[in-house]
């Protein structure tokens, strides 16, 4: 089923990421970590549906999407960032396999943090975040989405990994990194990011003996 929603607020999060808060259809419910298919309510764009994750809490009076702009693609994300408050979007029913199944490690790359935001915010609100850690990889510090909020929520339980900058951890999330972090491979692992990153991280975790049922990612 499709729903038409109206943009209520747009605010920058980083140099190329903004959040979009939109009206929430009556009775619309989702599980933190889920996504929806979204398109722009314009004749040339309404059939160009793309998946975006909810970053708001389910109980919020609005729906929030945190979206990175790929201006060079001249596609949906570029068009979204040219919209203004009052314009309309089209969303579908929620879907997705990423949901919280127990304490563990969240491993995100770039905009792959978005399905984890609603989960982490929900756990923080309910007081159940303490037994979780986040490893968040970005190219540079200016690319880190919600850095201040994540630092406030997780304190020393978040590691920001920078692959192209000499400040902080200028490295990758690899075998050496996991050893340094003292990772317990018997816990849950939530993985989201570019496709190649997901494949590499999952292969690494499986090589460490992580059971398939403890790996949570969008298949």
C-alpha atoms as a PDB file:
ATOM      1  CA  UNK A   1       0.000   0.000   0.000  1.00  0.00           C
ATOM      2  CA  UNK A   2       1.224   3.502  -0.826  1.00  0.00           C
ATOM      3  CA  UNK A   3       0.903   6.595   1.352  1.00  0.00           C
ATOM      4  CA  UNK A   4       1.390  10.237   0.411  1.00  0.00           C
ATOM      5  CA  UNK A   5       3.279  12.197   3.067  1.00  0.00           C
ATOM      6  CA  UNK A   6       4.242  15.854   3.299  1.00  0.00           C
ATOM      7  CA  UNK A   7       7.703  17.180   4.178  1.00  0.00           C
ATOM      8  CA  UNK A   8       7.620  18.999   7.534  1.00  0.00           C
ATOM      9  CA  UNK A   9      11.325  19.718   8.065  1.00  0.00           C
ATOM     10  CA  UNK A  10      14.658  19.360   6.261  1.00  0.00           C
ATOM     11  CA  UNK A  11      17.904  19.879   8.160  1.00  0.00           C
ATOM     12  CA  UNK A  12      21.575  19.236   7.254  1.00  0.00           C
ATOM     13  CA  UNK A  13      23.397  16.575   9.260  1.00  0.00           C
ATOM     14  CA  UNK A  14      26.746  16.623   7.410  1.00  0.00           C
ATOM     15  CA  UNK A  15      28.043  18.312   4.250  1.00  0.00           C
ATOM     16  CA  UNK A  16      26.134  15.838   2.057  1.00  0.00           C
ATOM     17  CA  UNK A  17      23.531  14.309   4.390  1.00  0.00           C
ATOM     18  CA  UNK A  18      20.226  15.790   5.588  1.00  0.00           C
ATOM     19  CA  UNK A  19      17.310  14.482   7.566  1.00  0.00           C
ATOM     20  CA  UNK A  20      13.797  14.733   6.190  1.00  0.00           C
ATOM     21  CA  UNK A  21      10.904  14.694   8.633  1.00  0.00           C
ATOM     22  CA  UNK A  22       7.552  13.978   7.043  1.00  0.00           C
ATOM     23  CA  UNK A  23       3.955  13.556   8.154  1.00  0.00           C
ATOM     24  CA  UNK A  24       3.088  10.147   9.565  1.00  0.00           C
ATOM     25  CA  UNK A  25       0.046   8.288   8.170  1.00  0.00           C
ATOM     26  CA  UNK A  26      -2.537   7.304  10.777  1.00  0.00           C
ATOM     27  CA  UNK A  27      -1.745   3.916  12.271  1.00  0.00           C
ATOM     28  CA  UNK A  28       1.594   3.601  10.472  1.00  0.00           C
ATOM     29  CA  UNK A  29       3.949   1.369  12.493  1.00  0.00           C
ATOM     30  CA  UNK A  30       7.421  -0.065  11.930  1.00  0.00           C
ATOM     31  CA  UNK A  31      10.161  -1.914  13.764  1.00  0.00           C
ATOM     32  CA  UNK A  32      13.382   0.065  14.411  1.00  0.00           C
ATOM     33  CA  UNK A  33      15.806  -0.906  11.647  1.00  0.00           C
ATOM     34  CA  UNK A  34      13.162  -1.296   8.973  1.00  0.00           C
ATOM     35  CA  UNK A  35      12.897   0.684   5.734  1.00  0.00           C
ATOM     36  CA  UNK A  36      10.313   1.702   3.161  1.00  0.00           C
ATOM     37  CA  UNK A  37      10.278   2.301  -0.582  1.00  0.00           C
ATOM     38  CA  UNK A  38      10.150   6.039  -1.156  1.00  0.00           C
ATOM     39  CA  UNK A  39       9.596   8.189  -4.226  1.00  0.00           C
ATOM     40  CA  UNK A  40       8.964  11.845  -4.993  1.00  0.00           C
ATOM     41  CA  UNK A  41       5.369  12.822  -5.740  1.00  0.00           C
ATOM     42  CA  UNK A  42       6.095  14.360  -9.131  1.00  0.00           C
ATOM     43  CA  UNK A  43       5.068  12.969 -12.545  1.00  0.00           C
ATOM     44  CA  UNK A  44       8.636  12.171 -13.657  1.00  0.00           C
ATOM     45  CA  UNK A  45       9.732  10.735 -10.294  1.00  0.00           C
ATOM     46  CA  UNK A  46       6.794   8.982  -8.612  1.00  0.00           C
ATOM     47  CA  UNK A  47       7.751   5.587 -10.083  1.00  0.00           C
ATOM     48  CA  UNK A  48      11.445   5.966  -9.149  1.00  0.00           C
ATOM     49  CA  UNK A  49      11.232   4.158  -5.817  1.00  0.00           C
ATOM     50  CA  UNK A  50      14.283   3.752  -3.588  1.00  0.00           C
ATOM     51  CA  UNK A  51      14.703   2.104  -0.167  1.00  0.00           C
ATOM     52  CA  UNK A  52      15.291   4.401   2.804  1.00  0.00           C
ATOM     53  CA  UNK A  53      15.446   3.536   6.490  1.00  0.00           C
ATOM     54  CA  UNK A  54      13.429   5.190   9.228  1.00  0.00           C
ATOM     55  CA  UNK A  55      15.732   6.987  11.661  1.00  0.00           C
ATOM     56  CA  UNK A  56      12.922   8.249  13.916  1.00  0.00           C
ATOM     57  CA  UNK A  57      11.442   6.380  16.843  1.00  0.00           C
ATOM     58  CA  UNK A  58       8.260   4.485  16.049  1.00  0.00           C
ATOM     59  CA  UNK A  59       6.381   6.548  18.646  1.00  0.00           C
ATOM     60  CA  UNK A  60       7.395   9.879  17.080  1.00  0.00           C
ATOM     61  CA  UNK A  61       4.579  11.941  15.537  1.00  0.00           C
ATOM     62  CA  UNK A  62       6.567  12.136  12.285  1.00  0.00           C
ATOM     63  CA  UNK A  63       8.660   9.844  10.092  1.00  0.00           C
ATOM     64  CA  UNK A  64      12.326  10.724   9.682  1.00  0.00           C
ATOM     65  CA  UNK A  65      14.700   9.664   6.921  1.00  0.00           C
ATOM     66  CA  UNK A  66      18.399  10.515   6.985  1.00  0.00           C
ATOM     67  CA  UNK A  67      19.569  10.635   3.377  1.00  0.00           C
ATOM     68  CA  UNK A  68      22.939  11.084   1.735  1.00  0.00           C
ATOM     69  CA  UNK A  69      23.011  13.134  -1.442  1.00  0.00           C
ATOM     70  CA  UNK A  70      24.779  11.677  -4.478  1.00  0.00           C
ATOM     71  CA  UNK A  71      24.743  14.833  -6.594  1.00  0.00           C
ATOM     72  CA  UNK A  72      26.865  13.361  -9.388  1.00  0.00           C
ATOM     73  CA  UNK A  73      24.256  10.651 -10.064  1.00  0.00           C
ATOM     74  CA  UNK A  74      21.479  13.177 -10.808  1.00  0.00           C
ATOM     75  CA  UNK A  75      19.070  10.633  -9.362  1.00  0.00           C
ATOM     76  CA  UNK A  76      16.540  10.361  -6.539  1.00  0.00           C
ATOM     77  CA  UNK A  77      18.807  11.510  -3.691  1.00  0.00           C
ATOM     78  CA  UNK A  78      19.891  14.568  -5.665  1.00  0.00           C
ATOM     79  CA  UNK A  79      16.252  15.403  -6.387  1.00  0.00           C
ATOM     80  CA  UNK A  80      15.261  14.896  -2.747  1.00  0.00           C
ATOM     81  CA  UNK A  81      17.814  17.449  -1.616  1.00  0.00           C
ATOM     82  CA  UNK A  82      16.275  19.991  -3.970  1.00  0.00           C
ATOM     83  CA  UNK A  83      12.842  19.697  -2.349  1.00  0.00           C
ATOM     84  CA  UNK A  84      11.427  22.047   0.267  1.00  0.00           C
ATOM     85  CA  UNK A  85       9.019  21.910   3.194  1.00  0.00           C
ATOM     86  CA  UNK A  86       5.446  21.308   2.065  1.00  0.00           C
ATOM     87  CA  UNK A  87       6.257  19.108  -0.919  1.00  0.00           C
ATOM     88  CA  UNK A  88       5.072  15.516  -1.018  1.00  0.00           C
ATOM     89  CA  UNK A  89       6.681  12.077  -1.052  1.00  0.00           C
ATOM     90  CA  UNK A  90       5.200   8.614  -1.554  1.00  0.00           C
ATOM     91  CA  UNK A  91       6.089   5.752   0.796  1.00  0.00           C
ATOM     92  CA  UNK A  92       5.058   2.103   1.000  1.00  0.00           C
ATOM     93  CA  UNK A  93       4.533  -0.301   3.888  1.00  0.00           C
ATOM     94  CA  UNK A  94       7.656  -0.927   6.007  1.00  0.00           C
ATOM     95  CA  UNK A  95       9.940  -3.876   5.324  1.00  0.00           C
ATOM     96  CA  UNK A  96      13.409  -5.133   6.235  1.00  0.00           C
ATOM     97  CA  UNK A  97      15.379  -7.834   8.024  1.00  0.00           C
ATOM     98  CA  UNK A  98      17.476  -5.615  10.296  1.00  0.00           C
ATOM     99  CA  UNK A  99      16.018  -5.553  13.795  1.00  0.00           C
ATOM    100  CA  UNK A 100      17.417  -5.806  17.302  1.00  0.00           C
ATOM    101  CA  UNK A 101      17.853  -9.397  18.469  1.00  0.00           C
ATOM    102  CA  UNK A 102      20.079  -8.933  21.512  1.00  0.00           C
ATOM    103  CA  UNK A 103      23.243  -7.187  22.761  1.00  0.00           C
ATOM    104  CA  UNK A 104      26.267  -7.158  20.510  1.00  0.00           C
ATOM    105  CA  UNK A 105      28.220  -5.139  17.981  1.00  0.00           C
ATOM    106  CA  UNK A 106      26.908  -2.731  15.358  1.00  0.00           C
ATOM    107  CA  UNK A 107      29.260  -2.362  12.374  1.00  0.00           C
ATOM    108  CA  UNK A 108      28.365   0.440   9.971  1.00  0.00           C
ATOM    109  CA  UNK A 109      29.943   2.034   6.928  1.00  0.00           C
ATOM    110  CA  UNK A 110      28.912   5.552   5.879  1.00  0.00           C
ATOM    111  CA  UNK A 111      25.167   5.864   5.295  1.00  0.00           C
ATOM    112  CA  UNK A 112      24.899   2.282   6.567  1.00  0.00           C
ATOM    113  CA  UNK A 113      24.458   3.822  10.002  1.00  0.00           C
ATOM    114  CA  UNK A 114      20.859   4.759   9.156  1.00  0.00           C
ATOM    115  CA  UNK A 115      19.103   1.454  10.004  1.00  0.00           C
ATOM    116  CA  UNK A 116      20.945   1.447  13.316  1.00  0.00           C
ATOM    117  CA  UNK A 117      19.910   4.957  14.362  1.00  0.00           C
ATOM    118  CA  UNK A 118      16.325   4.071  15.278  1.00  0.00           C
ATOM    119  CA  UNK A 119      17.550   0.926  17.058  1.00  0.00           C
ATOM    120  CA  UNK A 120      20.196   2.774  19.070  1.00  0.00           C
ATOM    121  CA  UNK A 121      17.841   5.641  19.876  1.00  0.00           C
ATOM    122  CA  UNK A 122      15.197   3.185  21.066  1.00  0.00           C
ATOM    123  CA  UNK A 123      17.695   1.269  23.224  1.00  0.00           C
ATOM    124  CA  UNK A 124      19.011   4.532  24.648  1.00  0.00           C
ATOM    125  CA  UNK A 125      15.515   5.677  25.537  1.00  0.00           C
ATOM    126  CA  UNK A 126      14.667   2.376  27.242  1.00  0.00           C
ATOM    127  CA  UNK A 127      18.008   2.207  29.095  1.00  0.00           C
ATOM    128  CA  UNK A 128      19.124  -0.949  27.275  1.00  0.00           C
ATOM    129  CA  UNK A 129      22.040   0.431  25.252  1.00  0.00           C
ATOM    130  CA  UNK A 130      24.896  -0.201  27.696  1.00  0.00           C
ATOM    131  CA  UNK A 131      25.737  -3.739  26.556  1.00  0.00           C
ATOM    132  CA  UNK A 132      26.229  -2.760  22.893  1.00  0.00           C
ATOM    133  CA  UNK A 133      29.138  -1.292  20.918  1.00  0.00           C
ATOM    134  CA  UNK A 134      29.304   0.543  17.600  1.00  0.00           C
ATOM    135  CA  UNK A 135      32.135   0.474  15.068  1.00  0.00           C
ATOM    136  CA  UNK A 136      31.454   3.198  12.503  1.00  0.00           C
ATOM    137  CA  UNK A 137      33.671   3.526   9.411  1.00  0.00           C
ATOM    138  CA  UNK A 138      33.851   6.680   7.268  1.00  0.00           C
ATOM    139  CA  UNK A 139      36.327   8.220   4.852  1.00  0.00           C
ATOM    140  CA  UNK A 140      36.934  11.386   6.913  1.00  0.00           C
ATOM    141  CA  UNK A 141      35.652  12.992  10.103  1.00  0.00           C
ATOM    142  CA  UNK A 142      33.401  15.368   8.145  1.00  0.00           C
ATOM    143  CA  UNK A 143      31.518  12.341   6.776  1.00  0.00           C
ATOM    144  CA  UNK A 144      30.451  11.017  10.193  1.00  0.00           C
ATOM    145  CA  UNK A 145      26.659  11.087  10.434  1.00  0.00           C
ATOM    146  CA  UNK A 146      25.264  11.994  13.880  1.00  0.00           C
ATOM    147  CA  UNK A 147      28.747  11.918  15.451  1.00  0.00           C
ATOM    148  CA  UNK A 148      27.824  14.053  18.461  1.00  0.00           C
ATOM    149  CA  UNK A 149      24.616  12.146  19.200  1.00  0.00           C
ATOM    150  CA  UNK A 150      26.324   8.765  18.879  1.00  0.00           C
ATOM    151  CA  UNK A 151      29.170   9.892  21.142  1.00  0.00           C
ATOM    152  CA  UNK A 152      26.686  11.141  23.746  1.00  0.00           C
ATOM    153  CA  UNK A 153      24.639   7.948  23.647  1.00  0.00           C
ATOM    154  CA  UNK A 154      27.475   5.430  23.567  1.00  0.00           C
ATOM    155  CA  UNK A 155      30.406   7.263  25.198  1.00  0.00           C
ATOM    156  CA  UNK A 156      33.438   4.948  25.020  1.00  0.00           C
ATOM    157  CA  UNK A 157      31.376   2.191  23.379  1.00  0.00           C
ATOM    158  CA  UNK A 158      31.679   3.789  19.924  1.00  0.00           C
ATOM    159  CA  UNK A 159      34.785   3.676  17.718  1.00  0.00           C
ATOM    160  CA  UNK A 160      34.944   5.986  14.711  1.00  0.00           C
ATOM    161  CA  UNK A 161      37.135   4.440  12.027  1.00  0.00           C
ATOM    162  CA  UNK A 162      38.529   6.846   9.421  1.00  0.00           C
ATOM    163  CA  UNK A 163      39.904   5.267   6.264  1.00  0.00           C
ATOM    164  CA  UNK A 164      41.292   8.396   4.597  1.00  0.00           C
ATOM    165  CA  UNK A 165      42.288  10.670   7.439  1.00  0.00           C
ATOM    166  CA  UNK A 166      45.240  10.695   9.806  1.00  0.00           C
ATOM    167  CA  UNK A 167      43.172  11.709  12.836  1.00  0.00           C
ATOM    168  CA  UNK A 168      41.737   8.965  15.020  1.00  0.00           C
ATOM    169  CA  UNK A 169      41.787   5.445  13.644  1.00  0.00           C
ATOM    170  CA  UNK A 170      43.057   5.794  10.077  1.00  0.00           C
ATOM    171  CA  UNK A 171      42.425   2.177   9.150  1.00  0.00           C
ATOM    172  CA  UNK A 172      39.814  -0.412   8.266  1.00  0.00           C
ATOM    173  CA  UNK A 173      37.565  -2.668  10.287  1.00  0.00           C
ATOM    174  CA  UNK A 174      39.605  -5.824   9.817  1.00  0.00           C
ATOM    175  CA  UNK A 175      41.057  -8.731  11.788  1.00  0.00           C
ATOM    176  CA  UNK A 176      43.606  -6.514  13.546  1.00  0.00           C
ATOM    177  CA  UNK A 177      40.939  -3.973  14.497  1.00  0.00           C
ATOM    178  CA  UNK A 178      38.669  -6.639  15.986  1.00  0.00           C
ATOM    179  CA  UNK A 179      41.586  -8.014  18.024  1.00  0.00           C
ATOM    180  CA  UNK A 180      42.384  -4.554  19.371  1.00  0.00           C
ATOM    181  CA  UNK A 181      38.750  -4.087  20.362  1.00  0.00           C
ATOM    182  CA  UNK A 182      38.636  -7.425  22.188  1.00  0.00           C
ATOM    183  CA  UNK A 183      35.544  -8.515  20.292  1.00  0.00           C
ATOM    184  CA  UNK A 184      33.503 -11.405  21.689  1.00  0.00           C
ATOM    185  CA  UNK A 185      32.530 -13.504  18.672  1.00  0.00           C
ATOM    186  CA  UNK A 186      29.724 -15.293  20.513  1.00  0.00           C
ATOM    187  CA  UNK A 187      27.507 -12.189  20.461  1.00  0.00           C
ATOM    188  CA  UNK A 188      25.203 -10.654  17.870  1.00  0.00           C
ATOM    189  CA  UNK A 189      26.666  -8.663  14.974  1.00  0.00           C
ATOM    190  CA  UNK A 190      24.624  -6.092  13.062  1.00  0.00           C
ATOM    191  CA  UNK A 191      26.239  -5.119   9.755  1.00  0.00           C
ATOM    192  CA  UNK A 192      25.243  -2.429   7.257  1.00  0.00           C
ATOM    193  CA  UNK A 193      27.148  -0.429   4.644  1.00  0.00           C
ATOM    194  CA  UNK A 194      28.259  -0.708   1.022  1.00  0.00           C
ATOM    195  CA  UNK A 195      27.704  -4.169  -0.471  1.00  0.00           C
ATOM    196  CA  UNK A 196      31.419  -5.005  -0.641  1.00  0.00           C
ATOM    197  CA  UNK A 197      31.895  -4.007   2.980  1.00  0.00           C
ATOM    198  CA  UNK A 198      29.039  -6.236   4.112  1.00  0.00           C
ATOM    199  CA  UNK A 199      30.492  -9.189   2.198  1.00  0.00           C
ATOM    200  CA  UNK A 200      33.982  -8.600   3.611  1.00  0.00           C
ATOM    201  CA  UNK A 201      32.837  -8.091   7.213  1.00  0.00           C
ATOM    202  CA  UNK A 202      30.510 -11.083   7.151  1.00  0.00           C
ATOM    203  CA  UNK A 203      33.248 -13.310   5.690  1.00  0.00           C
ATOM    204  CA  UNK A 204      35.657 -12.121   8.382  1.00  0.00           C
ATOM    205  CA  UNK A 205      33.157 -12.740  11.167  1.00  0.00           C
ATOM    206  CA  UNK A 206      32.298 -16.184   9.833  1.00  0.00           C
ATOM    207  CA  UNK A 207      36.021 -17.015   9.722  1.00  0.00           C
ATOM    208  CA  UNK A 208      36.116 -16.110  13.420  1.00  0.00           C
ATOM    209  CA  UNK A 209      33.396 -18.617  14.194  1.00  0.00           C
ATOM    210  CA  UNK A 210      30.413 -16.295  14.396  1.00  0.00           C
ATOM    211  CA  UNK A 211      27.298 -18.425  13.923  1.00  0.00           C
ATOM    212  CA  UNK A 212      25.138 -17.438  10.917  1.00  0.00           C
ATOM    213  CA  UNK A 213      22.085 -16.823  13.106  1.00  0.00           C
ATOM    214  CA  UNK A 214      24.016 -14.127  15.004  1.00  0.00           C
ATOM    215  CA  UNK A 215      24.734 -12.134  11.822  1.00  0.00           C
ATOM    216  CA  UNK A 216      21.996  -9.557  11.206  1.00  0.00           C
ATOM    217  CA  UNK A 217      22.075  -7.740   7.861  1.00  0.00           C
ATOM    218  CA  UNK A 218      19.820  -6.915   4.909  1.00  0.00           C
ATOM    219  CA  UNK A 219      19.970  -9.986   2.669  1.00  0.00           C
END
